[in-house]
C-alpha atoms as a PDB file:
ATOM      1  CA  MET A   1       7.487  26.381  45.214  1.00  0.00           C
ATOM      2  CA  THR A   2       9.698  23.743  44.123  1.00  0.00           C
ATOM      3  CA  GLY A   3       7.427  21.420  43.843  1.00  0.00           C
ATOM      4  CA  VAL A   4       4.760  23.929  41.839  1.00  0.00           C
ATOM      5  CA  ARG A   5       7.725  24.514  39.721  1.00  0.00           C
ATOM      6  CA  ARG A   6       8.393  20.464  39.101  1.00  0.00           C
ATOM      7  CA  ASN A   7       4.849  20.284  38.675  1.00  0.00           C
ATOM      8  CA  GLY A   8       4.448  23.241  36.296  1.00  0.00           C
ATOM      9  CA  LEU A   9       7.839  21.235  34.169  1.00  0.00           C
ATOM     10  CA  MET A  10       6.483  17.786  34.034  1.00  0.00           C
ATOM     11  CA  ALA A  11       3.238  18.879  33.109  1.00  0.00           C
ATOM     12  CA  GLY A  12       4.925  20.746  30.312  1.00  0.00           C
ATOM     13  CA  LEU A  13       6.876  18.136  29.318  1.00  0.00           C
ATOM     14  CA  ALA A  14       4.146  15.191  29.533  1.00  0.00           C
ATOM     15  CA  ALA A  15       2.537  18.471  26.910  1.00  0.00           C
ATOM     16  CA  LEU A  16       5.653  17.546  24.764  1.00  0.00           C
ATOM     17  CA  GLY A  17       5.789  13.980  24.893  1.00  0.00           C
ATOM     18  CA  LEU A  18       1.707  13.804  23.483  1.00  0.00           C
ATOM     19  CA  ALA A  19       2.411  16.794  20.861  1.00  0.00           C
ATOM     20  CA  GLY A  20       5.156  14.495  19.258  1.00  0.00           C
ATOM     21  CA  ALA A  21       3.111  11.478  19.743  1.00  0.00           C
ATOM     22  CA  PHE A  22       0.652  13.249  17.387  1.00  0.00           C
ATOM     23  CA  TYR A  23       2.698  14.656  14.831  1.00  0.00           C
ATOM     24  CA  ALA A  24       4.249  11.069  14.560  1.00  0.00           C
ATOM     25  CA  GLY A  25       1.025   9.576  13.819  1.00  0.00           C
ATOM     26  CA  ILE A  26       0.322  11.856  11.309  1.00  0.00           C
ATOM     27  CA  ALA A  27       3.002   9.857   9.332  1.00  0.00           C
ATOM     28  CA  TYR A  28       0.298   7.735   8.977  1.00  0.00           C
ATOM     29  CA  ALA A  29      -2.769   9.434   9.189  1.00  0.00           C
ATOM     30  CA  ALA A  30      -3.872   8.579   5.948  1.00  0.00           C
ATOM     31  CA  ASP A  31      -6.002   5.643   7.106  1.00  0.00           C
ATOM     32  CA  PRO A  32      -5.123   4.607  10.494  1.00  0.00           C
ATOM     33  CA  ASN A  33      -6.364   0.807   9.371  1.00  0.00           C
ATOM     34  CA  LEU A  34      -3.038   0.229   7.983  1.00  0.00           C
ATOM     35  CA  GLU A  35      -1.170   0.760  11.752  1.00  0.00           C
ATOM     36  CA  GLN A  36      -4.135  -1.486  12.759  1.00  0.00           C
ATOM     37  CA  ALA A  37      -3.523  -4.325  10.267  1.00  0.00           C
ATOM     38  CA  ASP A  38       0.156  -4.201  11.257  1.00  0.00           C
ATOM     39  CA  GLY A  39      -0.219  -4.914  14.642  1.00  0.00           C
ATOM     40  CA  SER A  40      -2.213  -7.625  13.656  1.00  0.00           C
ATOM     41  CA  VAL A  41      -0.346  -8.875  11.359  1.00  0.00           C
ATOM     42  CA  GLU A  42       2.385  -8.393  14.081  1.00  0.00           C
ATOM     43  CA  LYS A  43       0.251 -10.516  16.427  1.00  0.00           C
ATOM     44  CA  ALA A  44      -0.823 -13.064  14.010  1.00  0.00           C
ATOM     45  CA  ILE A  45       3.220 -13.917  13.631  1.00  0.00           C
ATOM     46  CA  ALA A  46       3.765 -14.164  17.220  1.00  0.00           C
ATOM     47  CA  LEU A  47       1.485 -16.374  18.018  1.00  0.00           C
ATOM     48  CA  LEU A  48       2.216 -18.702  15.143  1.00  0.00           C
ATOM     49  CA  GLU A  49       6.130 -19.004  16.486  1.00  0.00           C
ATOM     50  CA  GLN A  50       4.389 -20.118  19.935  1.00  0.00           C
ATOM     51  CA  ALA A  51       2.432 -22.609  18.569  1.00  0.00           C
ATOM     52  CA  GLN A  52       3.375 -26.052  19.281  1.00  0.00           C
ATOM     53  CA  ASN A  53       2.937 -29.441  17.350  1.00  0.00           C
ATOM     54  CA  PRO A  54       5.133 -32.329  19.257  1.00  0.00           C
ATOM     55  CA  GLY A  55       6.069 -35.306  17.500  1.00  0.00           C
ATOM     56  CA  GLN A  56       5.417 -33.393  13.884  1.00  0.00           C
ATOM     57  CA  ASN A  57       8.987 -32.543  11.380  1.00  0.00           C
ATOM     58  CA  PRO A  58       8.075 -30.150  10.144  1.00  0.00           C
ATOM     59  CA  PRO A  59       6.086 -28.646  12.977  1.00  0.00           C
ATOM     60  CA  PHE A  60       2.352 -28.346  11.237  1.00  0.00           C
ATOM     61  CA  GLY A  61       3.734 -29.777   8.027  1.00  0.00           C
ATOM     62  CA  GLY A  62       5.545 -26.737   7.083  1.00  0.00           C
ATOM     63  CA  HIS A  63       3.031 -23.928   6.961  1.00  0.00           C
ATOM     64  CA  ARG A  64       3.487 -22.848   9.787  1.00  0.00           C
ATOM     65  CA  THR A  65       6.775 -21.383   8.906  1.00  0.00           C
ATOM     66  CA  LYS A  66       5.488 -20.755   5.232  1.00  0.00           C
ATOM     67  CA  ALA A  67       2.627 -18.367   6.735  1.00  0.00           C
ATOM     68  CA  ILE A  68       4.963 -16.858   8.791  1.00  0.00           C
ATOM     69  CA  MET A  69       6.935 -16.075   5.669  1.00  0.00           C
ATOM     70  CA  PHE A  70       4.244 -14.529   3.730  1.00  0.00           C
ATOM     71  CA  LEU A  71       2.918 -13.347   7.017  1.00  0.00           C
ATOM     72  CA  LYS A  72       6.388 -11.395   7.493  1.00  0.00           C
ATOM     73  CA  GLN A  73       5.842 -10.215   3.940  1.00  0.00           C
ATOM     74  CA  ALA A  74       2.427  -8.840   4.227  1.00  0.00           C
ATOM     75  CA  ARG A  75       3.936  -6.131   6.788  1.00  0.00           C
ATOM     76  CA  LYS A  76       6.847  -5.469   4.505  1.00  0.00           C
ATOM     77  CA  GLU A  77       3.565  -4.421   1.903  1.00  0.00           C
ATOM     78  CA  ILE A  78       2.057  -2.495   4.612  1.00  0.00           C
ATOM     79  CA  GLU A  79       5.041  -0.502   5.251  1.00  0.00           C
ATOM     80  CA  LYS A  80       4.708   0.273   1.591  1.00  0.00           C
ATOM     81  CA  ALA A  81       1.074   1.608   1.275  1.00  0.00           C
ATOM     82  CA  GLN A  82       2.133   3.718   4.370  1.00  0.00           C
ATOM     83  CA  LYS A  83       5.065   5.315   2.944  1.00  0.00           C
ATOM     84  CA  PHE A  84       2.932   6.155   0.121  1.00  0.00           C
ATOM     85  CA  ALA A  85       0.156   7.573   1.638  1.00  0.00           C
ATOM     86  CA  ASP A  86       2.665  10.021   3.182  1.00  0.00           C
ATOM     87  CA  LYS A  87       3.879  10.897   0.387  1.00  0.00           C
ATOM     88  CA  PRO A  88       2.018  14.228  -1.100  1.00  0.00           C
ATOM     89  CA  PRO A  89      -0.076  13.542  -4.147  1.00  0.00           C
ATOM     90  CA  PRO A  90       1.760  14.138  -7.521  1.00  0.00           C
ATOM     91  CA  THR A  91       1.064  17.526  -9.172  1.00  0.00           C
ATOM     92  CA  LYS A  92      -0.003  17.569 -12.868  1.00  0.00           C
ATOM     93  CA  PRO A  93       2.173  19.487 -15.209  1.00  0.00           C
ATOM     94  CA  ASP A  94       0.341  22.867 -17.097  1.00  0.00           C
ATOM     95  CA  LYS A  95      -0.617  21.559 -20.031  1.00  0.00           C
ATOM     96  CA  PRO A  96      -0.304  23.957 -22.890  1.00  0.00           C
ATOM     97  CA  ASN A  97      -3.076  25.716 -24.904  1.00  0.00           C
ATOM     98  CA  HIS A  98      -1.224  25.626 -27.900  1.00  0.00           C
ATOM     99  CA  PRO A  99      -2.010  23.033 -31.056  1.00  0.00           C
ATOM    100  CA  GLY A 100       0.110  20.447 -31.354  1.00  0.00           C
ATOM    101  CA  GLY A 101       2.053  20.539 -28.200  1.00  0.00           C
ATOM    102  CA  GLY A 102      -0.390  18.214 -26.837  1.00  0.00           C
ATOM    103  CA  GLY A 103      -2.675  18.769 -23.429  1.00  0.00           C
ATOM    104  CA  ASN A 104      -6.236  18.912 -23.732  1.00  0.00           C
ATOM    105  CA  HIS A 105      -7.798  21.990 -25.065  1.00  0.00           C
ATOM    106  CA  ASP A 106     -11.109  23.281 -25.991  1.00  0.00           C
ATOM    107  CA  HIS A 107     -10.815  23.745 -30.070  1.00  0.00           C
ATOM    108  CA  ASP A 108     -11.626  21.261 -32.971  1.00  0.00           C
ATOM    109  CA  HIS A 109      -8.900  20.710 -35.958  1.00  0.00           C
ATOM    110  CA  ASP A 110      -7.002  17.444 -36.384  1.00  0.00           C
ATOM    111  CA  HIS A 111      -3.804  18.688 -35.872  1.00  0.00           C
ATOM    112  CA  GLY A 112      -2.306  17.357 -38.936  1.00  0.00           C
ATOM    113  CA  LYS A 113      -2.882  13.532 -38.191  1.00  0.00           C
ATOM    114  CA  ASP A 114      -5.222  13.684 -41.698  1.00  0.00           C
ATOM    115  CA  LYS A 115      -2.643  14.816 -43.866  1.00  0.00           C
ATOM    116  CA  GLY A 116      -3.181  13.229 -47.101  1.00  0.00           C
ATOM    117  CA  LYS A 117      -5.786  11.587 -46.393  1.00  0.00           C
ATOM    118  CA  LYS A 118      -9.002  12.425 -48.749  1.00  0.00           C
ATOM    119  CA  LYS A 119     -12.475  13.299 -46.714  1.00  0.00           C
END
């Protein structure tokens, strides 16, 4: 009986873990390409850091260092894009239908814009 309970507990924990992973994934669900791009950039940084250019100082003429710097900046921008995508869309304020109150309304008059002008 203990084995059955243990298996049930393990299955429950696994399900809970999957549910947690699912809900964590929703945070960046707007476009999974962002997460994939971030992973690719992270891999590119690692590859560049491992690259060797013996006998050259600075290695690769300093271009590798610049590439790593720009890729790290790209990762920051991807993170900002993910955070932006997570925000709910802004709500539009109610527009009054009162003349002179702004907004779009369906009647034809000039709201006093042409006062004093001859027609």
